[in-house]
Amino acid sequence: MPLTAFSEPERLPDGKSQPVWFARSNGEPLAFFAGIWCRWTSVRKLADGETTDDLFGFLTTEANREVGAIHPKAMPVILRQSDELDVWMNAPVSEALRLQRPLSDGMLACVDPLRPLG
């Protein structure tokens, strides 16, 4: 799944949460979430009857420094290079799952207009 930025929920002192946005720190505009897609036929709502829906799921991993400051539990697996995309799409699952690691610290920046950078 292509992305230019993504958000993680930040817990506020009052128990509510708000999204905090991240993008690649080097200004590269495009990266990809490692994820899976399938088409699923089922009855999700009785009123709609049987429907066929596109379902998406994203692989996650431990958070790096930038994301971990906001959401310490996990972050999405982000693919940055064409060889990573090729492995994810075409390699045996044991090889593809080696991509399940956080981006190195410093590779993401907070781009939330409501939060100061740094």
N, C-alpha and C. Protein backbone atom coordinates (compact mmCIF):
# COMPACT_ATOMS: atom_id res chain seq x y z
N MET A 1 0.85 -1.17 0.00
CA MET A 1 0.00 0.00 0.00
C MET A 1 0.90 1.24 0.00
N PRO A 2 0.79 2.10 -0.99
CA PRO A 2 1.63 3.30 -1.02
C PRO A 2 1.24 4.30 0.07
N LEU A 3 2.24 5.06 0.53
CA LEU A 3 1.99 6.09 1.53
C LEU A 3 2.95 7.26 1.33
N THR A 4 2.50 8.43 1.70
CA THR A 4 3.37 9.60 1.77
C THR A 4 3.54 10.04 3.22
N ALA A 5 2.58 9.68 4.07
CA ALA A 5 2.63 9.98 5.50
C ALA A 5 1.67 9.01 6.18
N PHE A 6 1.82 8.85 7.48
CA PHE A 6 0.90 8.01 8.25
C PHE A 6 0.79 8.60 9.65
N SER A 7 -0.25 8.20 10.35
CA SER A 7 -0.44 8.72 11.71
C SER A 7 -0.48 7.59 12.71
N GLU A 8 -0.13 7.93 13.92
CA GLU A 8 -0.25 7.04 15.08
C GLU A 8 -1.00 7.80 16.16
N PRO A 9 -1.79 7.11 16.97
CA PRO A 9 -2.53 7.81 18.02
C PRO A 9 -1.65 8.16 19.21
N GLU A 10 -1.76 9.40 19.64
CA GLU A 10 -1.07 9.85 20.86
C GLU A 10 -2.10 9.94 21.98
N ARG A 11 -1.83 9.27 23.10
CA ARG A 11 -2.72 9.35 24.26
C ARG A 11 -2.50 10.67 24.99
N LEU A 12 -3.58 11.36 25.24
CA LEU A 12 -3.53 12.64 25.95
C LEU A 12 -3.80 12.40 27.44
N PRO A 13 -3.41 13.35 28.29
CA PRO A 13 -3.62 13.18 29.74
C PRO A 13 -5.08 12.93 30.13
N ASP A 14 -6.02 13.44 29.33
CA ASP A 14 -7.44 13.26 29.66
C ASP A 14 -7.98 11.90 29.20
N GLY A 15 -7.10 11.04 28.64
CA GLY A 15 -7.53 9.72 28.19
C GLY A 15 -7.94 9.65 26.73
N LYS A 16 -8.16 10.81 26.14
CA LYS A 16 -8.50 10.84 24.71
C LYS A 16 -7.23 10.63 23.90
N SER A 17 -7.39 10.51 22.59
CA SER A 17 -6.21 10.39 21.73
C SER A 17 -6.37 11.32 20.54
N GLN A 18 -5.24 11.64 19.95
CA GLN A 18 -5.22 12.46 18.74
C GLN A 18 -4.17 11.89 17.80
N PRO A 19 -4.38 12.02 16.48
CA PRO A 19 -3.38 11.51 15.54
C PRO A 19 -2.16 12.41 15.46
N VAL A 20 -0.99 11.79 15.35
CA VAL A 20 0.26 12.50 15.10
C VAL A 20 0.80 11.94 13.79
N TRP A 21 1.18 12.83 12.87
CA TRP A 21 1.56 12.43 11.52
C TRP A 21 3.07 12.35 11.36
N PHE A 22 3.51 11.33 10.60
CA PHE A 22 4.92 11.08 10.31
C PHE A 22 5.12 10.94 8.80
N ALA A 23 6.29 11.37 8.33
CA ALA A 23 6.70 11.19 6.94
C ALA A 23 8.20 10.92 6.94
N ARG A 24 8.72 10.55 5.80
CA ARG A 24 10.15 10.26 5.70
C ARG A 24 10.94 11.54 5.93
N SER A 25 11.97 11.46 6.73
CA SER A 25 12.73 12.64 7.12
C SER A 25 13.58 13.21 5.99
N ASN A 26 13.90 12.41 4.99
CA ASN A 26 14.73 12.89 3.89
C ASN A 26 13.91 13.55 2.80
N GLY A 27 12.61 13.69 2.99
CA GLY A 27 11.75 14.35 2.02
C GLY A 27 11.29 13.45 0.89
N GLU A 28 11.73 12.19 0.88
CA GLU A 28 11.26 11.26 -0.15
C GLU A 28 9.74 11.19 -0.04
N PRO A 29 9.03 11.34 -1.15
CA PRO A 29 7.58 11.44 -1.06
C PRO A 29 6.83 10.13 -0.93
N LEU A 30 7.44 9.00 -1.32
CA LEU A 30 6.66 7.78 -1.40
C LEU A 30 7.37 6.61 -0.75
N ALA A 31 6.62 5.84 0.00
CA ALA A 31 7.07 4.58 0.58
C ALA A 31 5.86 3.66 0.54
N PHE A 32 6.00 2.45 1.09
CA PHE A 32 4.92 1.48 1.04
C PHE A 32 4.80 0.75 2.36
N PHE A 33 3.55 0.54 2.80
CA PHE A 33 3.30 -0.36 3.92
C PHE A 33 3.41 -1.79 3.40
N ALA A 34 4.03 -2.66 4.18
CA ALA A 34 3.98 -4.09 3.89
C ALA A 34 2.63 -4.59 4.38
N GLY A 35 1.84 -5.11 3.49
CA GLY A 35 0.51 -5.55 3.87
C GLY A 35 0.02 -6.68 3.00
N ILE A 36 -1.17 -7.12 3.32
CA ILE A 36 -1.81 -8.16 2.54
C ILE A 36 -3.20 -7.68 2.13
N TRP A 37 -3.70 -8.25 1.06
CA TRP A 37 -5.02 -7.92 0.54
C TRP A 37 -5.71 -9.21 0.16
N CYS A 38 -7.01 -9.27 0.39
CA CYS A 38 -7.80 -10.38 -0.14
C CYS A 38 -9.23 -9.90 -0.37
N ARG A 39 -9.90 -10.60 -1.22
CA ARG A 39 -11.31 -10.34 -1.46
C ARG A 39 -12.08 -11.38 -0.67
N TRP A 40 -13.08 -10.95 0.11
CA TRP A 40 -13.79 -11.83 1.03
C TRP A 40 -15.29 -11.68 0.80
N THR A 41 -15.96 -12.80 0.66
CA THR A 41 -17.41 -12.80 0.49
C THR A 41 -18.04 -13.32 1.78
N SER A 42 -18.95 -12.51 2.33
CA SER A 42 -19.60 -12.88 3.59
C SER A 42 -20.82 -12.00 3.81
N VAL A 43 -21.52 -12.29 4.89
CA VAL A 43 -22.62 -11.43 5.33
C VAL A 43 -22.10 -10.65 6.53
N ARG A 44 -21.82 -9.38 6.32
CA ARG A 44 -21.34 -8.52 7.41
C ARG A 44 -22.49 -7.83 8.09
N LYS A 45 -23.51 -7.45 7.31
CA LYS A 45 -24.72 -6.82 7.84
C LYS A 45 -25.91 -7.54 7.22
N LEU A 46 -26.84 -7.95 8.04
CA LEU A 46 -28.01 -8.67 7.53
C LEU A 46 -28.76 -7.84 6.49
N ALA A 47 -28.86 -6.54 6.71
CA ALA A 47 -29.59 -5.68 5.79
C ALA A 47 -28.95 -5.67 4.40
N ASP A 48 -27.63 -5.84 4.33
CA ASP A 48 -26.93 -5.82 3.04
C ASP A 48 -26.90 -7.19 2.38
N GLY A 49 -27.09 -8.23 3.17
CA GLY A 49 -26.97 -9.58 2.62
C GLY A 49 -25.51 -9.90 2.33
N GLU A 50 -25.32 -10.89 1.47
CA GLU A 50 -23.95 -11.30 1.14
C GLU A 50 -23.28 -10.24 0.26
N THR A 51 -22.07 -9.84 0.65
CA THR A 51 -21.30 -8.87 -0.12
C THR A 51 -19.88 -9.41 -0.30
N THR A 52 -19.23 -8.90 -1.31
CA THR A 52 -17.82 -9.21 -1.52
C THR A 52 -17.05 -7.92 -1.27
N ASP A 53 -16.10 -7.99 -0.34
CA ASP A 53 -15.38 -6.80 0.10
C ASP A 53 -13.87 -7.00 -0.05
N ASP A 54 -13.17 -5.91 -0.29
CA ASP A 54 -11.70 -5.93 -0.30
C ASP A 54 -11.22 -5.69 1.12
N LEU A 55 -10.42 -6.60 1.65
CA LEU A 55 -9.88 -6.49 3.01
C LEU A 55 -8.38 -6.26 2.93
N PHE A 56 -7.89 -5.38 3.77
CA PHE A 56 -6.47 -5.05 3.83
C PHE A 56 -5.97 -5.20 5.25
N GLY A 57 -4.77 -5.65 5.39
CA GLY A 57 -4.11 -5.71 6.69
C GLY A 57 -2.67 -5.27 6.53
N PHE A 58 -2.12 -4.63 7.53
CA PHE A 58 -0.75 -4.14 7.47
C PHE A 58 0.11 -4.85 8.50
N LEU A 59 1.30 -5.19 8.10
CA LEU A 59 2.27 -5.81 9.00
C LEU A 59 2.84 -4.73 9.92
N THR A 60 3.00 -5.05 11.20
CA THR A 60 3.59 -4.11 12.14
C THR A 60 4.84 -4.72 12.77
N THR A 61 5.58 -3.87 13.44
CA THR A 61 6.80 -4.27 14.12
C THR A 61 7.00 -3.34 15.31
N GLU A 62 8.07 -3.54 16.06
CA GLU A 62 8.34 -2.65 17.19
C GLU A 62 8.60 -1.23 16.66
N ALA A 63 8.31 -0.26 17.47
CA ALA A 63 8.42 1.14 17.06
C ALA A 63 9.88 1.60 17.09
N ASN A 64 10.23 2.47 16.14
CA ASN A 64 11.54 3.12 16.20
C ASN A 64 11.45 4.32 17.16
N ARG A 65 12.53 5.09 17.29
CA ARG A 65 12.57 6.19 18.26
C ARG A 65 11.47 7.22 18.02
N GLU A 66 11.30 7.65 16.77
CA GLU A 66 10.35 8.73 16.49
C GLU A 66 8.91 8.28 16.76
N VAL A 67 8.53 7.14 16.23
CA VAL A 67 7.16 6.66 16.44
C VAL A 67 6.98 6.23 17.89
N GLY A 68 7.99 5.59 18.47
CA GLY A 68 7.89 5.11 19.84
C GLY A 68 7.65 6.21 20.85
N ALA A 69 8.08 7.43 20.57
CA ALA A 69 7.83 8.56 21.47
C ALA A 69 6.33 8.86 21.57
N ILE A 70 5.58 8.50 20.55
CA ILE A 70 4.14 8.75 20.51
C ILE A 70 3.34 7.48 20.76
N HIS A 71 3.77 6.41 20.11
CA HIS A 71 3.04 5.13 20.15
C HIS A 71 4.06 4.02 20.37
N PRO A 72 4.39 3.72 21.62
CA PRO A 72 5.51 2.82 21.90
C PRO A 72 5.28 1.36 21.53
N LYS A 73 4.05 0.93 21.32
CA LYS A 73 3.80 -0.49 21.10
C LYS A 73 4.25 -0.98 19.73
N ALA A 74 3.97 -0.23 18.67
CA ALA A 74 4.25 -0.75 17.33
C ALA A 74 4.22 0.36 16.30
N MET A 75 4.73 0.02 15.13
CA MET A 75 4.65 0.90 13.97
C MET A 75 4.47 0.01 12.74
N PRO A 76 4.01 0.57 11.63
CA PRO A 76 3.87 -0.24 10.43
C PRO A 76 5.25 -0.59 9.85
N VAL A 77 5.31 -1.74 9.18
CA VAL A 77 6.50 -2.09 8.42
C VAL A 77 6.47 -1.26 7.15
N ILE A 78 7.52 -0.48 6.93
CA ILE A 78 7.59 0.44 5.79
C ILE A 78 8.69 -0.01 4.85
N LEU A 79 8.32 -0.17 3.58
CA LEU A 79 9.27 -0.55 2.54
C LEU A 79 9.64 0.70 1.76
N ARG A 80 10.95 0.93 1.58
CA ARG A 80 11.42 2.16 0.96
C ARG A 80 12.05 1.96 -0.41
N GLN A 81 12.58 0.80 -0.67
CA GLN A 81 13.38 0.59 -1.88
C GLN A 81 12.72 -0.44 -2.79
N SER A 82 13.01 -0.34 -4.08
CA SER A 82 12.39 -1.25 -5.05
C SER A 82 12.74 -2.71 -4.78
N ASP A 83 13.96 -2.98 -4.30
CA ASP A 83 14.31 -4.37 -4.00
C ASP A 83 13.48 -4.91 -2.83
N GLU A 84 13.14 -4.05 -1.86
CA GLU A 84 12.28 -4.49 -0.76
C GLU A 84 10.87 -4.80 -1.26
N LEU A 85 10.38 -3.97 -2.18
CA LEU A 85 9.05 -4.24 -2.76
C LEU A 85 9.05 -5.56 -3.51
N ASP A 86 10.10 -5.83 -4.25
CA ASP A 86 10.20 -7.08 -5.00
C ASP A 86 10.20 -8.28 -4.05
N VAL A 87 10.97 -8.19 -2.98
CA VAL A 87 11.00 -9.29 -2.00
C VAL A 87 9.61 -9.47 -1.40
N TRP A 88 8.96 -8.39 -0.98
CA TRP A 88 7.66 -8.49 -0.34
C TRP A 88 6.63 -9.14 -1.28
N MET A 89 6.66 -8.76 -2.55
CA MET A 89 5.65 -9.23 -3.50
C MET A 89 5.95 -10.61 -4.08
N ASN A 90 7.23 -11.01 -4.13
CA ASN A 90 7.58 -12.20 -4.91
C ASN A 90 8.35 -13.29 -4.18
N ALA A 91 8.99 -12.97 -3.08
CA ALA A 91 9.85 -13.95 -2.42
C ALA A 91 9.02 -14.93 -1.58
N PRO A 92 9.61 -16.06 -1.22
CA PRO A 92 8.95 -16.96 -0.27
C PRO A 92 8.69 -16.22 1.04
N VAL A 93 7.64 -16.62 1.74
CA VAL A 93 7.22 -15.90 2.95
C VAL A 93 8.34 -15.80 3.97
N SER A 94 9.17 -16.82 4.11
CA SER A 94 10.25 -16.77 5.10
C SER A 94 11.23 -15.65 4.78
N GLU A 95 11.46 -15.39 3.51
CA GLU A 95 12.36 -14.30 3.12
C GLU A 95 11.65 -12.95 3.25
N ALA A 96 10.40 -12.88 2.84
CA ALA A 96 9.65 -11.63 2.91
C ALA A 96 9.50 -11.15 4.35
N LEU A 97 9.30 -12.07 5.29
CA LEU A 97 9.09 -11.67 6.68
C LEU A 97 10.36 -11.13 7.34
N ARG A 98 11.50 -11.27 6.71
CA ARG A 98 12.71 -10.63 7.24
C ARG A 98 12.62 -9.11 7.14
N LEU A 99 11.68 -8.62 6.34
CA LEU A 99 11.45 -7.18 6.24
C LEU A 99 10.68 -6.62 7.43
N GLN A 100 10.24 -7.49 8.33
CA GLN A 100 9.46 -7.06 9.49
C GLN A 100 10.40 -6.49 10.54
N ARG A 101 10.79 -5.22 10.28
CA ARG A 101 11.66 -4.51 11.22
C ARG A 101 11.33 -3.02 11.11
N PRO A 102 11.58 -2.27 12.18
CA PRO A 102 11.29 -0.83 12.12
C PRO A 102 12.29 -0.12 11.22
N LEU A 103 11.89 1.03 10.70
CA LEU A 103 12.85 1.88 10.03
C LEU A 103 13.89 2.32 11.04
N SER A 104 15.09 2.55 10.60
CA SER A 104 16.14 3.03 11.51
C SER A 104 15.74 4.35 12.12
N ASP A 105 16.22 4.60 13.34
CA ASP A 105 15.97 5.88 14.00
C ASP A 105 16.47 7.00 13.09
N GLY A 106 15.70 8.08 13.03
CA GLY A 106 16.07 9.23 12.22
C GLY A 106 15.52 9.21 10.81
N MET A 107 14.88 8.11 10.40
CA MET A 107 14.36 8.03 9.03
C MET A 107 12.94 8.58 8.89
N LEU A 108 12.31 8.91 10.02
CA LEU A 108 10.98 9.51 10.01
C LEU A 108 11.02 10.82 10.77
N ALA A 109 10.14 11.71 10.39
CA ALA A 109 10.01 12.98 11.11
C ALA A 109 8.54 13.24 11.36
N CYS A 110 8.27 13.87 12.48
CA CYS A 110 6.91 14.30 12.78
C CYS A 110 6.58 15.46 11.84
N VAL A 111 5.49 15.33 11.11
CA VAL A 111 5.08 16.39 10.18
C VAL A 111 3.71 16.93 10.56
N ASP A 112 3.35 16.70 11.81
CA ASP A 112 2.06 17.17 12.30
C ASP A 112 2.11 18.69 12.46
N PRO A 113 1.21 19.40 11.80
CA PRO A 113 1.24 20.87 11.91
C PRO A 113 0.95 21.39 13.31
N LEU A 114 0.39 20.53 14.17
CA LEU A 114 0.07 20.97 15.53
C LEU A 114 1.19 20.68 16.52
N ARG A 115 2.26 20.00 16.05
CA ARG A 115 3.38 19.64 16.96
C ARG A 115 4.65 20.27 16.43
N PRO A 116 5.49 20.79 17.30
CA PRO A 116 6.78 21.32 16.83
C PRO A 116 7.71 20.19 16.40
N LEU A 117 8.53 20.43 15.40
CA LEU A 117 9.52 19.45 14.97
C LEU A 117 10.64 19.39 15.97
N GLY A 118 11.29 18.22 16.05
CA GLY A 118 12.46 18.09 16.93
C GLY A 118 12.11 17.34 18.11
